[in-house]
Amino acid sequence: MAPFIEVVRSLVSELTKLPVKRIFTIATTSKEEENPYVTPLRVTRDFAVAGCVIFKQECLLELIEIIDGQVDIVLVDTEKKLPLSIHKQPITSEDSIYLHRKTIGPIETGNLSKICFQKIKQSRTFEFKPNDLTVNSAWSFLSQRLRVLSGKKIAILGAGNIGNKLALKLVECGADVHTYRQQFHIGHQIANGLNLIKHENTVSQITFHSSLLSTTFNADVVIGCTNGVPIITPEVIQTISCNALVLDLGKNNITPEAIRSAIENKLELYRVDVTAALEGFIYEMLKMDSILSTGYGRKSLPYCTIVSGGYFGDEGDIIVDNINSPKIIVGVSNGAGAIKKVLSIDDNEKLKRLSEELQVC
């Protein structure tokens, strides 16, 4: 653990030198790995982000001591992927997260976000979902790389949390999705459930297979989504389309022999890169924070009431871009969550006066 902590210290030190908003991510994964690791430093015009992936809750408090106050924002994985376990380290007065529980012994629940919100005092803390970023990255890559997803046969091997979320996004775009996982009864039920969730006018289906090779037969895309278990083998490569894409959504989903076979057959191999999805999420998070902090709510003026930021307005309220500094008039609320299509004389008078007094559009 000591080498990892020192690497984190060095990474945070590098972050603090950058003249932009500094963000540190703490994520976890269901993959069975022993050693935590850091994620790459990514720098944009507006922020710099780095982070780590941990597999045990016990190192979280030490991480918090290093990053709290040194970065502007901490993004913590809100997905509960760590199993319940016994905390085996000595308990100190600082470990209040263990002392306040009702169990006889100290239990690690894997609830990283709750601990971060309790313990981080100087930096701001937000939740994020790394699995969803992986799904969005894969979908975005396939959408742009293939141009049209409709009609493509896509095989997803390892239909767990990530694989099934991706399956739903792909089938909603008209892709013919085929899934495989070892637990047949679970995979079959999930596929049936997803087919019920997709829009009724979506003709394409998610088909679950108990056979690996029947899943990948003649596939345009094959995607490995296991928890680090090699599932894309040379036999799988032999079954897919001659111009197929091969995607690894995790680590070690493709055997070395399958990699060689894919290269020999001039197939395109892709290891999912979450950069675009991560940066996009951060911009979304910062924008939502700005809206809730400065532009969300309802404000009464002498002659009308204005709302903004998605606040549910009463009938006759005027919707603007920002109640504190309005520049754009969106319309007049109908009191049912939509904009009035037919305006009354009173509505038009209020709009005219607001436009004149605030000089907005």
Protein backbone atom coordinates (compact mmCIF):
# COMPACT_ATOMS: atom_id res chain seq x y z
CA MET A 1 0.00 0.00 0.00
CA ALA A 2 2.87 2.40 0.78
CA PRO A 3 4.14 2.66 -2.84
CA PHE A 4 0.60 3.37 -4.06
CA ILE A 5 0.08 6.12 -1.46
CA GLU A 6 3.35 7.76 -2.51
CA VAL A 7 2.30 7.66 -6.15
CA VAL A 8 -0.97 9.36 -5.18
CA ARG A 9 0.94 12.06 -3.26
CA SER A 10 3.09 12.71 -6.31
CA LEU A 11 0.07 12.84 -8.60
CA VAL A 12 -1.78 15.28 -6.32
CA SER A 13 1.35 17.42 -6.11
CA GLU A 14 1.42 17.57 -9.90
CA LEU A 15 -2.27 18.51 -9.97
CA THR A 16 -1.80 21.40 -7.54
CA LYS A 17 0.70 23.06 -9.89
CA LEU A 18 -1.82 23.42 -12.72
CA PRO A 19 -3.66 26.77 -13.16
CA VAL A 20 -7.09 25.20 -13.75
CA LYS A 21 -9.78 23.55 -11.66
CA ARG A 22 -8.26 20.45 -10.08
CA ILE A 23 -10.30 17.25 -9.85
CA PHE A 24 -9.44 13.90 -8.28
CA THR A 25 -11.50 10.75 -8.87
CA ILE A 26 -11.85 7.78 -6.53
CA ALA A 27 -13.31 4.75 -8.24
CA THR A 28 -13.59 1.05 -7.65
CA THR A 29 -14.36 -2.00 -9.75
CA SER A 30 -15.77 -5.47 -9.34
CA LYS A 31 -12.67 -6.94 -10.99
CA GLU A 32 -10.60 -9.08 -8.64
CA GLU A 33 -7.30 -7.21 -8.43
CA GLU A 34 -4.98 -6.96 -5.45
CA ASN A 35 -3.22 -3.65 -5.94
CA PRO A 36 -4.85 -0.22 -6.34
CA TYR A 37 -3.57 2.02 -9.11
CA VAL A 38 -3.73 5.62 -10.31
CA THR A 39 -5.43 6.81 -13.49
CA PRO A 40 -3.81 9.11 -16.08
CA LEU A 41 -3.63 12.87 -15.66
CA ARG A 42 -5.93 14.54 -18.19
CA VAL A 43 -5.67 18.29 -18.75
CA THR A 44 -8.24 20.44 -20.56
CA ARG A 45 -8.65 24.16 -20.97
CA ASP A 46 -10.91 24.35 -17.90
CA PHE A 47 -9.82 21.56 -15.59
CA ALA A 48 -7.29 18.85 -14.88
CA VAL A 49 -8.39 15.45 -13.65
CA ALA A 50 -6.50 12.49 -12.23
CA GLY A 51 -7.49 9.76 -9.83
CA CYS A 52 -7.21 6.22 -8.58
CA VAL A 53 -8.98 2.88 -8.54
CA ILE A 54 -9.10 1.03 -5.24
CA PHE A 55 -10.32 -2.44 -4.30
CA LYS A 56 -10.54 -2.14 -0.52
CA GLN A 57 -12.23 0.48 1.62
CA GLU A 58 -9.44 0.45 4.20
CA CYS A 59 -7.17 2.81 2.23
CA LEU A 60 -9.88 5.45 1.68
CA LEU A 61 -9.25 7.47 4.84
CA GLU A 62 -5.56 7.79 4.01
CA LEU A 63 -6.46 8.96 0.50
CA ILE A 64 -8.82 11.57 1.90
CA GLU A 65 -6.05 12.97 4.10
CA ILE A 66 -3.88 13.45 1.01
CA ILE A 67 -6.42 15.04 -1.33
CA ASP A 68 -8.73 17.04 0.95
CA GLY A 69 -7.98 20.73 0.41
CA GLN A 70 -5.35 19.99 -2.23
CA VAL A 71 -7.86 19.64 -5.06
CA ASP A 72 -10.99 21.62 -5.82
CA ILE A 73 -13.29 18.67 -6.44
CA VAL A 74 -13.35 15.00 -5.47
CA LEU A 75 -15.42 12.69 -7.66
CA VAL A 76 -16.28 9.51 -5.79
CA ASP A 77 -17.68 6.31 -7.25
CA THR A 78 -21.26 6.01 -6.01
CA GLU A 79 -21.78 2.48 -7.32
CA LYS A 80 -21.65 -0.20 -4.62
CA LYS A 81 -19.23 -2.74 -6.08
CA LEU A 82 -17.06 -3.71 -3.10
CA PRO A 83 -18.27 -6.74 -1.12
CA LEU A 84 -19.05 -6.52 2.60
CA SER A 85 -15.93 -7.40 4.58
CA ILE A 86 -14.37 -7.26 8.04
CA HIS A 87 -12.05 -4.31 8.76
CA LYS A 88 -8.85 -5.96 9.97
CA GLN A 89 -6.69 -2.90 10.69
CA PRO A 90 -6.38 -1.41 14.22
CA ILE A 91 -9.19 1.02 15.02
CA THR A 92 -8.27 4.57 16.08
CA SER A 93 -10.35 7.52 17.21
CA GLU A 94 -10.21 8.82 13.65
CA ASP A 95 -12.10 5.79 12.36
CA SER A 96 -15.53 7.04 13.42
CA ILE A 97 -17.07 5.43 10.38
CA TYR A 98 -16.52 2.07 12.09
CA LEU A 99 -17.17 3.11 15.70
CA HIS A 100 -20.66 4.48 15.01
CA ARG A 101 -22.04 1.29 13.53
CA LYS A 102 -24.24 -1.14 15.47
CA THR A 103 -22.33 -4.29 14.53
CA ILE A 104 -20.12 -6.07 17.06
CA GLY A 105 -17.05 -5.77 14.85
CA PRO A 106 -15.84 -3.11 12.39
CA ILE A 107 -17.42 -3.74 8.97
CA GLU A 108 -16.42 -2.32 5.61
CA THR A 109 -19.63 -1.74 3.67
CA GLY A 110 -17.97 -0.47 0.49
CA ASN A 111 -19.99 2.75 0.63
CA LEU A 112 -17.21 5.05 -0.56
CA SER A 113 -19.41 8.03 -1.34
CA LYS A 114 -20.93 8.17 2.15
CA ILE A 115 -17.49 8.13 3.77
CA CYS A 116 -16.19 10.85 1.44
CA PHE A 117 -19.15 13.12 2.16
CA GLN A 118 -18.60 12.60 5.89
CA LYS A 119 -14.84 13.07 5.93
CA ILE A 120 -13.94 15.54 3.16
CA LYS A 121 -14.21 19.05 4.60
CA GLN A 122 -12.24 21.41 2.33
CA SER A 123 -12.66 20.08 -1.19
CA ARG A 124 -16.11 19.76 -2.77
CA THR A 125 -17.41 16.22 -3.23
CA PHE A 126 -19.60 14.94 -6.04
CA GLU A 127 -20.75 11.45 -6.98
CA PHE A 128 -20.12 9.82 -10.34
CA LYS A 129 -20.72 6.44 -12.01
CA PRO A 130 -17.62 5.11 -13.80
CA ASN A 131 -19.48 2.11 -15.23
CA ASP A 132 -21.86 4.44 -17.04
CA LEU A 133 -18.92 6.41 -18.41
CA THR A 134 -17.54 3.17 -19.87
CA VAL A 135 -20.92 2.40 -21.45
CA ASN A 136 -21.23 5.90 -22.91
CA SER A 137 -17.67 5.78 -24.25
CA ALA A 138 -18.27 2.44 -25.98
CA TRP A 139 -21.58 3.59 -27.45
CA SER A 140 -20.08 6.87 -28.70
CA PHE A 141 -17.14 5.05 -30.29
CA LEU A 142 -19.37 2.53 -32.07
CA SER A 143 -21.87 5.18 -33.18
CA GLN A 144 -19.18 7.30 -34.80
CA ARG A 145 -16.94 4.48 -36.02
CA LEU A 146 -19.77 2.55 -37.69
CA ARG A 147 -21.76 5.70 -38.58
CA VAL A 148 -25.02 3.73 -38.47
CA LEU A 149 -25.77 1.22 -35.71
CA SER A 150 -29.10 0.06 -37.10
CA GLY A 151 -28.93 -3.42 -38.58
CA LYS A 152 -25.49 -4.25 -37.19
CA LYS A 153 -25.05 -7.56 -35.35
CA ILE A 154 -23.24 -6.87 -32.09
CA ALA A 155 -22.12 -9.63 -29.71
CA ILE A 156 -21.59 -8.77 -26.04
CA LEU A 157 -19.64 -11.38 -24.09
CA GLY A 158 -19.97 -11.02 -20.33
CA ALA A 159 -23.42 -9.53 -19.98
CA GLY A 160 -23.15 -8.04 -16.50
CA ASN A 161 -23.73 -4.47 -15.32
CA ILE A 162 -21.77 -2.76 -18.10
CA GLY A 163 -22.61 -5.25 -20.83
CA ASN A 164 -26.36 -5.10 -20.30
CA LYS A 165 -26.46 -1.31 -20.02
CA LEU A 166 -24.62 -1.14 -23.32
CA ALA A 167 -26.93 -3.77 -24.84
CA LEU A 168 -29.97 -1.61 -24.10
CA LYS A 169 -28.40 1.51 -25.63
CA LEU A 170 -27.42 -0.41 -28.76
CA VAL A 171 -30.75 -2.17 -29.29
CA GLU A 172 -32.54 1.17 -28.88
CA CYS A 173 -30.50 2.34 -31.90
CA GLY A 174 -31.68 -0.59 -34.00
CA ALA A 175 -28.69 -2.89 -33.52
CA ASP A 176 -29.26 -6.64 -33.41
CA VAL A 177 -27.68 -7.45 -30.03
CA HIS A 178 -26.59 -10.93 -28.92
CA THR A 179 -25.43 -11.52 -25.34
CA TYR A 180 -23.63 -14.28 -23.47
CA ARG A 181 -22.82 -14.99 -19.84
CA GLN A 182 -22.07 -18.14 -17.89
CA GLN A 183 -25.17 -18.05 -15.69
CA PHE A 184 -27.77 -18.98 -18.30
CA HIS A 185 -30.87 -18.39 -16.18
CA ILE A 186 -29.72 -14.89 -15.18
CA GLY A 187 -28.69 -13.88 -18.69
CA HIS A 188 -31.97 -15.12 -20.15
CA GLN A 189 -34.04 -13.18 -17.62
CA ILE A 190 -32.05 -9.97 -18.12
CA ALA A 191 -32.39 -10.17 -21.91
CA ASN A 192 -36.14 -10.65 -21.58
CA GLY A 193 -36.37 -7.72 -19.19
CA LEU A 194 -34.39 -5.41 -21.50
CA ASN A 195 -36.60 -6.36 -24.43
CA LEU A 196 -39.58 -5.28 -22.35
CA ILE A 197 -37.90 -1.97 -21.45
CA LYS A 198 -36.96 -0.93 -25.00
CA HIS A 199 -39.50 1.07 -26.97
CA GLU A 200 -42.38 -0.98 -28.33
CA ASN A 201 -41.69 0.27 -31.86
CA THR A 202 -38.07 -0.94 -31.78
CA VAL A 203 -38.05 -4.02 -34.01
CA SER A 204 -34.52 -5.18 -33.14
CA GLN A 205 -34.07 -7.53 -30.19
CA ILE A 206 -31.57 -8.58 -27.56
CA THR A 207 -30.99 -12.33 -27.91
CA PHE A 208 -29.33 -14.31 -25.14
CA HIS A 209 -27.27 -17.41 -26.04
CA SER A 210 -26.01 -20.27 -23.91
CA SER A 211 -23.31 -20.95 -26.50
CA LEU A 212 -20.36 -18.58 -26.84
CA LEU A 213 -19.75 -19.25 -30.53
CA SER A 214 -23.41 -18.96 -31.53
CA THR A 215 -23.38 -15.52 -29.87
CA THR A 216 -20.49 -14.28 -32.01
CA PHE A 217 -21.33 -16.04 -35.30
CA ASN A 218 -21.09 -13.54 -38.19
CA ALA A 219 -21.02 -10.57 -35.76
CA ASP A 220 -20.04 -7.12 -37.04
CA VAL A 221 -18.79 -6.22 -33.57
CA VAL A 222 -17.69 -8.42 -30.67
CA ILE A 223 -17.31 -6.82 -27.23
CA GLY A 224 -15.61 -8.34 -24.19
CA CYS A 225 -17.23 -7.20 -20.94
CA THR A 226 -16.06 -9.71 -18.36
CA ASN A 227 -14.40 -8.93 -15.03
CA GLY A 228 -10.92 -9.47 -16.38
CA VAL A 229 -11.53 -13.04 -17.55
CA PRO A 230 -10.27 -13.66 -21.11
CA ILE A 231 -13.34 -14.54 -23.16
CA ILE A 232 -12.45 -13.52 -26.71
CA THR A 233 -10.46 -16.52 -27.93
CA PRO A 234 -9.07 -17.49 -31.36
CA GLU A 235 -12.22 -19.60 -31.82
CA VAL A 236 -14.35 -16.48 -31.30
CA ILE A 237 -12.24 -14.59 -33.85
CA GLN A 238 -12.88 -17.37 -36.37
CA THR A 239 -16.67 -16.96 -36.09
CA ILE A 240 -17.00 -13.19 -36.58
CA SER A 241 -17.39 -11.17 -39.77
CA CYS A 242 -14.30 -10.58 -41.93
CA ASN A 243 -14.42 -6.81 -41.27
CA ALA A 244 -15.55 -6.97 -37.64
CA LEU A 245 -14.49 -4.67 -34.81
CA VAL A 246 -13.16 -6.26 -31.63
CA LEU A 247 -13.63 -4.24 -28.42
CA ASP A 248 -12.20 -4.78 -24.95
CA LEU A 249 -14.31 -2.90 -22.39
CA GLY A 250 -12.16 -3.88 -19.44
CA LYS A 251 -8.84 -5.58 -19.05
CA ASN A 252 -7.67 -8.97 -20.31
CA ASN A 253 -10.89 -9.77 -22.14
CA ILE A 254 -8.91 -10.92 -25.19
CA THR A 255 -6.42 -13.79 -25.05
CA PRO A 256 -2.93 -13.20 -26.49
CA GLU A 257 -3.66 -15.83 -29.14
CA ALA A 258 -6.89 -14.04 -30.12
CA ILE A 259 -5.02 -10.75 -30.41
CA ARG A 260 -2.52 -12.35 -32.77
CA SER A 261 -5.33 -13.94 -34.78
CA ALA A 262 -7.16 -10.61 -35.06
CA ILE A 263 -4.02 -8.83 -36.23
CA GLU A 264 -3.24 -11.57 -38.75
CA ASN A 265 -6.77 -11.22 -40.14
CA LYS A 266 -6.42 -7.40 -40.23
CA LEU A 267 -9.23 -6.82 -37.76
CA GLU A 268 -9.49 -3.57 -35.82
CA LEU A 269 -8.89 -3.93 -32.06
CA TYR A 270 -10.13 -1.22 -29.67
CA ARG A 271 -9.60 -0.76 -25.94
CA VAL A 272 -12.31 1.55 -24.62
CA ASP A 273 -11.07 5.04 -23.72
CA VAL A 274 -13.27 6.95 -21.26
CA THR A 275 -11.62 10.34 -21.86
CA ALA A 276 -14.47 11.84 -23.89
CA ALA A 277 -17.18 10.55 -21.54
CA LEU A 278 -15.29 11.61 -18.41
CA GLU A 279 -14.61 15.12 -19.66
CA GLY A 280 -18.19 15.41 -20.91
CA PHE A 281 -19.53 14.33 -17.52
CA ILE A 282 -17.34 16.88 -15.71
CA TYR A 283 -18.65 19.71 -17.89
CA GLU A 284 -22.20 18.47 -17.24
CA MET A 285 -21.55 18.30 -13.49
CA LEU A 286 -20.05 21.80 -13.37
CA LYS A 287 -22.95 23.20 -15.40
CA MET A 288 -25.57 21.58 -13.17
CA ASP A 289 -23.75 22.88 -10.09
CA SER A 290 -23.80 26.38 -11.59
CA ILE A 291 -27.50 26.15 -12.44
CA LEU A 292 -28.47 24.96 -8.96
CA SER A 293 -26.21 27.51 -7.28
CA THR A 294 -27.07 30.60 -9.28
CA GLY A 295 -29.94 30.00 -11.69
CA TYR A 296 -32.44 27.57 -10.20
CA GLY A 297 -35.66 28.74 -8.59
CA ARG A 298 -38.54 31.18 -8.65
CA LYS A 299 -38.37 34.94 -8.21
CA SER A 300 -41.16 37.47 -7.79
CA LEU A 301 -40.98 40.81 -9.57
CA PRO A 302 -43.51 43.67 -9.02
CA TYR A 303 -45.48 42.73 -12.15
CA CYS A 304 -44.69 39.02 -12.74
CA THR A 305 -42.93 35.92 -11.47
CA ILE A 306 -39.96 34.38 -13.28
CA VAL A 307 -38.57 30.84 -13.07
CA SER A 308 -35.45 29.17 -14.43
CA GLY A 309 -33.19 26.13 -14.22
CA GLY A 310 -36.03 23.65 -14.64
CA TYR A 311 -38.02 24.97 -11.68
CA PHE A 312 -41.68 23.98 -12.09
CA GLY A 313 -43.57 27.20 -12.70
CA ASP A 314 -47.18 28.10 -11.95
CA GLU A 315 -49.49 29.12 -14.78
CA GLY A 316 -48.45 32.53 -16.03
CA ASP A 317 -44.89 32.40 -14.65
CA ILE A 318 -42.36 33.59 -17.19
CA ILE A 319 -39.54 31.17 -17.96
CA VAL A 320 -36.10 32.76 -18.38
CA ASP A 321 -32.54 31.49 -18.68
CA ASN A 322 -31.49 32.72 -15.22
CA ILE A 323 -33.69 34.35 -12.59
CA ASN A 324 -30.75 36.31 -11.15
CA SER A 325 -29.51 37.75 -14.43
CA PRO A 326 -32.04 37.02 -17.17
CA LYS A 327 -30.96 37.54 -20.76
CA ILE A 328 -33.32 35.23 -22.64
CA ILE A 329 -37.09 34.83 -22.28
CA VAL A 330 -38.06 31.24 -23.02
CA GLY A 331 -41.83 31.57 -22.73
CA VAL A 332 -44.77 31.48 -20.35
CA SER A 333 -45.47 28.46 -18.14
CA ASN A 334 -48.82 26.70 -18.58
CA GLY A 335 -48.63 25.36 -15.01
CA ALA A 336 -48.30 21.77 -16.21
CA GLY A 337 -44.60 21.65 -16.99
CA ALA A 338 -44.81 23.02 -20.52
CA ILE A 339 -44.84 26.36 -22.33
CA LYS A 340 -48.10 28.05 -23.28
CA LYS A 341 -48.85 27.92 -27.00
CA VAL A 342 -51.60 30.52 -26.85
CA LEU A 343 -50.86 33.63 -24.78
CA SER A 344 -53.43 35.81 -23.06
CA ILE A 345 -53.44 39.61 -23.17
CA ASP A 346 -52.02 39.64 -19.63
CA ASP A 347 -49.23 37.24 -20.67
CA ASN A 348 -48.23 39.45 -23.58
CA GLU A 349 -48.23 42.57 -21.40
CA LYS A 350 -45.95 40.91 -18.83
CA LEU A 351 -43.62 39.67 -21.55
CA LYS A 352 -43.42 43.11 -23.12
CA ARG A 353 -42.67 44.82 -19.84
CA LEU A 354 -40.05 42.24 -18.81
CA SER A 355 -38.37 42.52 -22.18
CA GLU A 356 -38.26 46.31 -22.00
CA GLU A 357 -37.06 46.57 -18.41
CA LEU A 358 -34.41 43.86 -18.59
CA GLN A 359 -33.51 44.33 -22.26
CA VAL A 360 -33.62 40.62 -22.91
CA CYS A 361 -34.48 38.64 -26.02
